[in-house]
Amino acid sequence: MSAAPFQTAEHWTDDVLEPMRHVGDPLADKVISTLVDTGEIASVNAVMRNLVENEYWVPETLPGIVRDYLQSTADLPPWADSAKIAAGQQVFWRYGPRLILILHCYSLPFCYVARKGVQVLALTSRLTGNAARRIIETAQMLVDVMQPGGLDSPEGRGRRTIQKVRLMHAAVRRLAVQSPGWRNEFDLPVNQEDLAGTLMSFSWIALDGLEKLGILLSDTEKESYLHCWQVIGHQLGILGDVTPVDIASARALAGSVARRQFAPCAEGKDMTRALVETMQYMLPGNLLDGLPALFISYFLGREHAGMIGIGQDGLADVVAAPLRIGGTVFSGLLRDSQPLRALAEKVGQLLINSIVYVERGGNRPSFTIPAELKQRWGVNWVS
């Protein structure tokens, strides 16, 4: 791939990452800037609305510069390896429910602990205003790009979803800095370091989450999963300079982002509170209300979980008390990876099942999972 070939675990220094906080995505930024600078604010809104409402095609009503963008960014990079992509997507196929749980309880919280990066989420109020919608849209992107064949076709769901997300990032970059609530200390919204950190949350953090559940993948499987996200990152406009070349480099990059950016702030706590409340709403009854905090604390660790308001109050009771879900009793949590792994599978199924039936609002299409994945993951029959 096009990332710097000299990367080592020591590559991700402040000298490398700090300049990236002031770099956006020139290609997508130009599209939005052209629309804004020509006074077509209504067109920007129309673009965003069309990109959300239409899942597959390029509407004829879109401005020409947007259509050109969609056409010019449809192809995968020449270094994309179709065999590795397929192998990486098979990992998602096998462990989908657990990976959906990891998305909720590790990947997203990992982003919320980054004090500067979380500011743009707070500013747009997308999560605190409608947490369920944002979580569903994020889960839909994950399913779109990681389902088998999701990246194969230029007209496929995966590639179209990436293009839409990339353009929405550019719109946020343009509009957020004009808000009275944005401060220079936060740097450029959705900058390259923040994008790289988010990419790690979906790739290396996801793999680390599986390992923490006692699921040990082969080196080939890990590298294939990472390769999928290297390709996705390229399509999202993430530069090779902040894209890790291998698993060791990805682990180091995630660690450097944490070292540089993790700190407590009110916005991170607000995002986490909205996330936890949404998961509690999605999970049936009240018995499971303590599980989101339990898993977030387990994955992130006490120190980082505490930064986003996840304390230990009540967690001991959740760990000690046996849980009965769908006829299965889970006990010995956190002392043995086997019951924790089984619990993660069941909770992931419950979350997916709930997401399928949660209304996204407006004209947004319903959450979609291919039939073969529904069958594989046990969606629609979870009790």
Protein backbone atom coordinates (compact mmCIF):
# COMPACT_ATOMS: atom_id res chain seq x y z
CA MET A 1 0.00 0.00 0.00
CA SER A 2 0.99 3.65 -0.16
CA ALA A 3 1.82 4.21 3.51
CA ALA A 4 5.40 5.12 4.41
CA PRO A 5 7.51 1.92 4.07
CA PHE A 6 9.84 2.91 6.93
CA GLN A 7 7.12 2.70 9.58
CA THR A 8 8.10 0.99 12.81
CA ALA A 9 6.45 0.91 16.21
CA GLU A 10 8.45 4.05 17.05
CA HIS A 11 7.28 5.91 13.93
CA TRP A 12 4.24 7.64 15.45
CA THR A 13 5.92 10.56 17.18
CA ASP A 14 4.52 14.02 17.88
CA ASP A 15 6.58 15.32 14.97
CA VAL A 16 4.69 12.96 12.64
CA LEU A 17 1.19 13.31 14.07
CA GLU A 18 0.95 16.93 15.17
CA PRO A 19 1.13 18.40 11.63
CA MET A 20 -1.66 16.02 10.61
CA ARG A 21 -4.03 17.87 12.94
CA HIS A 22 -4.07 20.71 10.44
CA VAL A 23 -4.61 18.62 7.29
CA GLY A 24 -8.02 17.75 5.87
CA ASP A 25 -9.03 16.03 2.63
CA PRO A 26 -8.28 18.33 -0.33
CA LEU A 27 -10.35 16.39 -2.85
CA ALA A 28 -13.60 16.25 -0.86
CA ASP A 29 -12.98 19.67 0.73
CA LYS A 30 -12.86 21.23 -2.73
CA VAL A 31 -16.30 19.87 -3.57
CA ILE A 32 -17.90 21.36 -0.46
CA SER A 33 -15.94 24.63 -0.74
CA THR A 34 -17.06 25.09 -4.33
CA LEU A 35 -20.69 24.63 -3.36
CA VAL A 36 -20.39 26.99 -0.39
CA ASP A 37 -18.28 29.64 -2.14
CA THR A 38 -20.70 29.87 -5.05
CA GLY A 39 -23.55 30.54 -2.65
CA GLU A 40 -25.15 27.13 -3.09
CA ILE A 41 -25.81 26.47 0.58
CA ALA A 42 -29.10 24.90 -0.42
CA SER A 43 -27.14 22.58 -2.70
CA VAL A 44 -24.95 21.50 0.21
CA ASN A 45 -28.06 20.60 2.20
CA ALA A 46 -29.52 18.82 -0.81
CA VAL A 47 -26.30 16.88 -1.30
CA MET A 48 -26.33 15.72 2.31
CA ARG A 49 -30.01 14.79 2.11
CA ASN A 50 -29.60 12.88 -1.14
CA LEU A 51 -26.56 11.02 0.10
CA VAL A 52 -28.48 9.87 3.17
CA GLU A 53 -31.71 8.97 1.40
CA ASN A 54 -30.26 7.12 -1.60
CA GLU A 55 -28.37 3.94 -0.90
CA TYR A 56 -27.07 2.82 -4.28
CA TRP A 57 -27.30 5.22 -7.18
CA VAL A 58 -26.02 8.69 -8.07
CA PRO A 59 -29.12 10.91 -8.36
CA GLU A 60 -29.31 12.96 -11.55
CA THR A 61 -30.29 15.97 -9.48
CA LEU A 62 -26.91 16.21 -7.74
CA PRO A 63 -24.63 19.11 -8.81
CA GLY A 64 -22.11 18.18 -11.48
CA ILE A 65 -19.13 18.60 -9.16
CA VAL A 66 -20.64 16.06 -6.78
CA ARG A 67 -21.34 13.60 -9.56
CA ASP A 68 -17.74 14.00 -10.77
CA TYR A 69 -16.50 13.37 -7.24
CA LEU A 70 -18.57 10.20 -6.90
CA GLN A 71 -17.30 8.90 -10.23
CA SER A 72 -13.64 9.76 -9.61
CA THR A 73 -13.51 8.14 -6.16
CA ALA A 74 -15.34 4.91 -6.96
CA ASP A 75 -12.33 2.72 -7.81
CA LEU A 76 -10.22 1.00 -5.18
CA PRO A 77 -6.48 1.80 -5.04
CA PRO A 78 -4.20 -0.34 -7.26
CA TRP A 79 -2.58 -1.94 -4.21
CA ALA A 80 -5.91 -3.31 -2.90
CA ASP A 81 -5.69 -7.11 -2.66
CA SER A 82 -9.04 -8.74 -3.37
CA ALA A 83 -8.02 -12.00 -1.67
CA LYS A 84 -7.02 -10.19 1.53
CA ILE A 85 -10.21 -8.13 1.45
CA ALA A 86 -12.30 -11.29 1.16
CA ALA A 87 -10.37 -12.93 4.00
CA GLY A 88 -10.82 -9.88 6.20
CA GLN A 89 -14.53 -9.77 5.47
CA GLN A 90 -14.77 -13.44 6.44
CA VAL A 91 -13.57 -12.46 9.91
CA PHE A 92 -16.50 -10.07 10.11
CA TRP A 93 -18.81 -12.80 8.79
CA ARG A 94 -17.73 -15.21 11.55
CA TYR A 95 -17.69 -12.79 14.48
CA GLY A 96 -20.27 -10.18 13.46
CA PRO A 97 -22.35 -10.05 16.68
CA ARG A 98 -19.24 -9.76 18.84
CA LEU A 99 -17.81 -7.10 16.54
CA ILE A 100 -21.06 -5.12 16.76
CA LEU A 101 -20.76 -5.29 20.55
CA ILE A 102 -17.12 -4.18 20.28
CA LEU A 103 -18.22 -1.28 18.07
CA HIS A 104 -20.58 -0.08 20.80
CA CYS A 105 -18.42 -0.79 23.84
CA TYR A 106 -14.84 -0.31 22.60
CA SER A 107 -14.53 1.38 19.19
CA LEU A 108 -16.90 4.29 19.84
CA PRO A 109 -15.78 4.85 23.46
CA PHE A 110 -12.16 4.82 22.23
CA CYS A 111 -13.09 7.83 20.08
CA TYR A 112 -14.91 9.58 22.93
CA VAL A 113 -11.86 9.55 25.22
CA ALA A 114 -9.97 11.70 22.68
CA ARG A 115 -10.68 15.16 24.08
CA LYS A 116 -10.05 17.15 20.90
CA GLY A 117 -11.56 14.70 18.45
CA VAL A 118 -14.82 14.30 20.34
CA GLN A 119 -15.52 18.04 20.16
CA VAL A 120 -16.87 17.90 16.63
CA LEU A 121 -19.41 15.23 17.68
CA ALA A 122 -20.57 17.44 20.52
CA LEU A 123 -20.77 20.46 18.23
CA THR A 124 -22.94 18.77 15.65
CA SER A 125 -25.11 17.31 18.43
CA ARG A 126 -25.69 14.24 16.33
CA LEU A 127 -25.14 11.79 19.14
CA THR A 128 -26.66 13.69 22.03
CA GLY A 129 -29.60 14.78 19.84
CA ASN A 130 -30.38 11.36 18.40
CA ALA A 131 -27.90 8.77 19.64
CA ALA A 132 -29.80 5.81 18.22
CA ARG A 133 -29.77 7.23 14.69
CA ARG A 134 -26.04 7.91 14.75
CA ILE A 135 -25.22 4.49 16.19
CA ILE A 136 -27.40 2.78 13.60
CA GLU A 137 -25.75 4.74 10.78
CA THR A 138 -22.31 3.75 12.08
CA ALA A 139 -23.31 0.10 12.37
CA GLN A 140 -24.80 0.26 8.87
CA MET A 141 -21.50 1.56 7.48
CA LEU A 142 -19.67 -1.30 9.19
CA VAL A 143 -22.05 -3.87 7.69
CA ASP A 144 -21.93 -2.23 4.26
CA VAL A 145 -18.15 -2.28 3.92
CA MET A 146 -17.37 -5.51 5.77
CA GLN A 147 -20.08 -7.84 4.49
CA PRO A 148 -18.73 -10.37 1.98
CA GLY A 149 -18.48 -8.59 -1.37
CA GLY A 150 -19.15 -5.20 0.20
CA LEU A 151 -16.23 -3.55 -1.56
CA ASP A 152 -16.28 -5.51 -4.83
CA SER A 153 -18.40 -3.30 -7.07
CA PRO A 154 -17.99 0.45 -7.75
CA GLU A 155 -21.79 0.64 -7.47
CA GLY A 156 -21.92 -1.48 -4.31
CA ARG A 157 -23.15 -0.43 -0.89
CA GLY A 158 -19.71 -0.40 0.68
CA ARG A 159 -18.05 1.95 -1.79
CA ARG A 160 -21.06 4.26 -1.97
CA THR A 161 -21.25 4.45 1.83
CA ILE A 162 -17.57 5.41 2.04
CA GLN A 163 -18.04 8.16 -0.56
CA LYS A 164 -20.96 9.61 1.36
CA VAL A 165 -19.15 9.55 4.69
CA ARG A 166 -16.10 11.21 3.12
CA LEU A 167 -18.16 14.05 1.69
CA MET A 168 -20.02 14.53 4.97
CA HIS A 169 -16.66 14.80 6.73
CA ALA A 170 -15.74 17.60 4.33
CA ALA A 171 -19.01 19.42 5.02
CA VAL A 172 -18.37 19.21 8.77
CA ARG A 173 -14.83 20.54 8.30
CA ARG A 174 -16.15 23.55 6.40
CA LEU A 175 -19.10 24.35 8.64
CA ALA A 176 -17.78 23.49 12.10
CA VAL A 177 -15.00 26.08 12.08
CA GLN A 178 -17.61 28.76 11.41
CA SER A 179 -19.48 27.89 14.59
CA PRO A 180 -19.04 30.15 17.65
CA GLY A 181 -18.53 26.99 19.68
CA TRP A 182 -15.38 25.90 17.84
CA ARG A 183 -12.03 26.80 19.40
CA ASN A 184 -8.64 26.90 17.69
CA GLU A 185 -7.18 24.58 20.32
CA PHE A 186 -9.24 21.74 18.83
CA ASP A 187 -7.39 22.14 15.51
CA LEU A 188 -9.04 21.35 12.16
CA PRO A 189 -12.29 19.37 12.57
CA VAL A 190 -12.07 15.80 11.28
CA ASN A 191 -8.34 16.21 10.65
CA GLN A 192 -6.00 13.45 9.53
CA GLU A 193 -4.90 12.40 13.01
CA ASP A 194 -8.50 12.15 14.19
CA LEU A 195 -9.39 10.21 11.05
CA ALA A 196 -6.46 7.87 11.65
CA GLY A 197 -7.58 7.34 15.25
CA THR A 198 -11.09 6.53 14.06
CA LEU A 199 -9.67 4.11 11.49
CA MET A 200 -7.78 2.36 14.31
CA SER A 201 -10.99 2.15 16.34
CA PHE A 202 -12.60 0.11 13.56
CA SER A 203 -9.54 -2.00 12.74
CA TRP A 204 -6.92 -2.63 15.42
CA ILE A 205 -9.25 -1.86 18.34
CA ALA A 206 -11.79 -4.32 16.90
CA LEU A 207 -9.10 -7.01 16.69
CA ASP A 208 -7.93 -6.21 20.21
CA GLY A 209 -11.53 -6.51 21.39
CA LEU A 210 -11.81 -9.99 19.92
CA GLU A 211 -8.59 -10.99 21.65
CA LYS A 212 -9.88 -9.64 24.97
CA LEU A 213 -12.89 -11.92 24.47
CA GLY A 214 -10.54 -14.87 24.07
CA ILE A 215 -10.86 -15.09 20.28
CA LEU A 216 -7.36 -15.62 18.88
CA LEU A 217 -7.05 -14.96 15.17
CA SER A 218 -4.12 -16.02 13.02
CA ASP A 219 -1.61 -13.42 11.88
CA THR A 220 -2.97 -13.81 8.35
CA GLU A 221 -6.53 -13.12 9.53
CA LYS A 222 -5.42 -10.04 11.46
CA GLU A 223 -3.45 -8.61 8.56
CA SER A 224 -6.35 -9.31 6.18
CA TYR A 225 -8.80 -7.51 8.47
CA LEU A 226 -6.41 -4.58 8.73
CA HIS A 227 -5.99 -4.57 4.94
CA CYS A 228 -9.73 -4.09 4.52
CA TRP A 229 -9.50 -0.98 6.66
CA GLN A 230 -6.36 0.24 4.91
CA VAL A 231 -8.39 0.20 1.70
CA ILE A 232 -11.42 1.79 3.37
CA GLY A 233 -9.18 4.45 4.89
CA HIS A 234 -7.73 5.29 1.49
CA GLN A 235 -11.24 5.60 0.07
CA LEU A 236 -12.16 7.90 2.97
CA GLY A 237 -9.32 10.25 2.07
CA ILE A 238 -6.97 9.20 4.88
CA LEU A 239 -3.37 9.80 3.82
CA GLY A 240 -0.77 7.07 3.62
CA ASP A 241 1.35 9.09 6.06
CA VAL A 242 -1.09 8.21 8.87
CA THR A 243 -2.06 4.72 7.69
CA PRO A 244 -0.20 1.85 9.40
CA VAL A 245 1.46 -0.75 7.18
CA ASP A 246 0.98 -3.75 9.49
CA ILE A 247 -0.52 -4.89 12.78
CA ALA A 248 2.47 -3.81 14.89
CA SER A 249 2.32 -0.34 13.37
CA ALA A 250 -1.46 -0.18 13.89
CA ARG A 251 -1.08 -1.09 17.57
CA ALA A 252 1.57 1.59 17.95
CA LEU A 253 -0.54 4.21 16.18
CA ALA A 254 -3.53 3.51 18.44
CA GLY A 255 -1.23 3.83 21.44
CA SER A 256 0.22 7.12 20.21
CA VAL A 257 -3.25 8.58 19.61
CA ALA A 258 -4.21 7.56 23.14
CA ARG A 259 -1.03 9.07 24.58
CA ARG A 260 -1.55 12.35 22.74
CA GLN A 261 -5.31 12.79 22.93
CA PHE A 262 -6.89 10.85 25.79
CA ALA A 263 -8.13 13.17 28.52
CA PRO A 264 -11.39 13.66 30.42
CA CYS A 265 -13.85 16.26 29.17
CA ALA A 266 -17.55 16.99 29.50
CA GLU A 267 -18.21 16.30 25.82
CA GLY A 268 -16.72 12.81 25.99
CA LYS A 269 -18.85 12.03 29.02
CA ASP A 270 -21.96 13.33 27.25
CA MET A 271 -21.29 11.14 24.21
CA THR A 272 -20.73 8.11 26.40
CA ARG A 273 -23.86 8.76 28.46
CA ALA A 274 -25.94 8.95 25.28
CA LEU A 275 -24.32 5.76 23.98
CA VAL A 276 -24.95 3.82 27.20
CA GLU A 277 -28.55 5.01 27.47
CA THR A 278 -29.18 3.97 23.87
CA MET A 279 -27.78 0.50 24.47
CA GLN A 280 -29.86 0.16 27.62
CA TYR A 281 -32.92 1.08 25.58
CA MET A 282 -32.01 -1.44 22.89
CA LEU A 283 -31.41 -4.33 25.29
CA PRO A 284 -34.61 -6.00 26.57
CA GLY A 285 -35.85 -5.37 30.10
CA ASN A 286 -33.82 -3.85 32.93
CA LEU A 287 -31.70 -6.83 33.92
CA LEU A 288 -29.04 -6.03 31.32
CA ASP A 289 -28.75 -2.30 32.03
CA GLY A 290 -25.36 -2.72 33.68
CA LEU A 291 -23.77 -4.57 30.76
CA PRO A 292 -22.83 -1.58 28.57
CA ALA A 293 -20.77 -0.03 31.37
CA LEU A 294 -19.32 -3.44 32.23
CA PHE A 295 -18.08 -4.05 28.70
CA ILE A 296 -16.81 -0.49 28.21
CA SER A 297 -14.82 -0.72 31.44
CA TYR A 298 -13.51 -4.15 30.50
CA PHE A 299 -12.38 -3.15 27.01
CA LEU A 300 -11.01 0.33 27.73
CA GLY A 301 -9.63 -0.37 31.19
CA ARG A 302 -10.58 1.47 34.38
CA GLU A 303 -8.45 4.56 33.84
CA HIS A 304 -9.68 5.40 30.34
CA ALA A 305 -13.26 4.34 31.08
CA GLY A 306 -13.22 6.68 34.05
CA MET A 307 -12.29 9.58 31.77
CA ILE A 308 -15.64 9.24 30.01
CA GLY A 309 -17.66 8.77 33.18
CA ILE A 310 -17.77 4.99 33.44
CA GLY A 311 -17.12 4.23 37.11
CA GLN A 312 -17.08 1.02 39.07
CA ASP A 313 -20.33 1.62 40.96
CA GLY A 314 -22.60 -1.32 40.40
CA LEU A 315 -20.16 -3.20 38.15
CA ALA A 316 -19.24 -5.63 40.91
CA ASP A 317 -22.89 -6.60 41.25
CA VAL A 318 -23.15 -7.23 37.51
CA VAL A 319 -20.02 -9.37 37.56
CA ALA A 320 -21.06 -11.36 40.64
CA ALA A 321 -24.71 -11.99 39.82
CA PRO A 322 -25.41 -14.76 37.29
CA LEU A 323 -27.31 -13.54 34.23
CA ARG A 324 -29.98 -15.49 32.40
CA ILE A 325 -30.50 -14.47 28.78
CA GLY A 326 -32.53 -16.49 26.33
CA GLY A 327 -32.36 -19.59 28.51
CA THR A 328 -28.58 -19.39 28.96
CA VAL A 329 -26.99 -18.66 32.35
CA PHE A 330 -23.78 -16.61 32.36
CA SER A 331 -21.61 -16.54 35.47
CA GLY A 332 -17.96 -16.09 36.33
CA LEU A 333 -17.73 -12.99 34.16
CA LEU A 334 -14.28 -11.40 33.85
CA ARG A 335 -12.74 -14.41 35.56
CA ASP A 336 -12.96 -16.65 32.53
CA SER A 337 -13.04 -15.58 28.88
CA GLN A 338 -15.40 -18.40 27.86
CA PRO A 339 -18.58 -17.09 29.58
CA LEU A 340 -17.61 -13.53 28.67
CA ARG A 341 -17.19 -14.58 25.04
CA ALA A 342 -20.58 -16.31 25.06
CA LEU A 343 -22.21 -13.30 26.73
CA ALA A 344 -20.69 -10.98 24.13
CA GLU A 345 -22.14 -13.14 21.36
CA LYS A 346 -25.62 -13.07 22.92
CA VAL A 347 -25.57 -9.32 23.67
CA GLY A 348 -24.30 -8.63 20.15
CA GLN A 349 -27.21 -10.60 18.73
CA LEU A 350 -29.63 -8.64 20.89
CA LEU A 351 -28.16 -5.34 19.72
CA ILE A 352 -28.33 -6.31 16.06
CA ASN A 353 -31.85 -7.60 16.45
CA SER A 354 -32.86 -4.30 18.06
CA ILE A 355 -31.05 -2.19 15.47
CA VAL A 356 -32.94 -3.95 12.69
CA TYR A 357 -36.22 -2.74 14.15
CA VAL A 358 -35.27 0.75 15.35
CA GLU A 359 -36.69 3.47 13.10
CA ARG A 360 -33.98 5.82 11.84
CA GLY A 361 -36.37 8.70 11.20
CA GLY A 362 -37.02 10.95 8.23
CA ASN A 363 -36.53 9.37 4.82
CA ARG A 364 -33.53 7.29 5.89
CA PRO A 365 -33.69 3.68 4.71
CA SER A 366 -34.10 1.03 7.38
CA PHE A 367 -31.06 -0.81 8.71
CA THR A 368 -30.15 -3.51 6.22
CA ILE A 369 -28.28 -6.78 6.73
CA PRO A 370 -27.91 -9.35 3.92
CA ALA A 371 -30.10 -12.39 4.45
CA GLU A 372 -27.11 -14.73 4.69
CA LEU A 373 -25.62 -12.67 7.50
CA LYS A 374 -28.95 -12.58 9.35
CA GLN A 375 -29.05 -16.36 9.22
CA ARG A 376 -25.42 -16.72 10.24
CA TRP A 377 -25.77 -14.28 13.15
CA GLY A 378 -29.12 -15.50 14.43
CA VAL A 379 -30.92 -12.21 13.81
CA ASN A 380 -34.75 -12.13 14.11
CA TRP A 381 -35.07 -15.04 16.47
CA VAL A 382 -33.16 -13.80 19.50
CA SER A 383 -35.27 -14.19 22.64
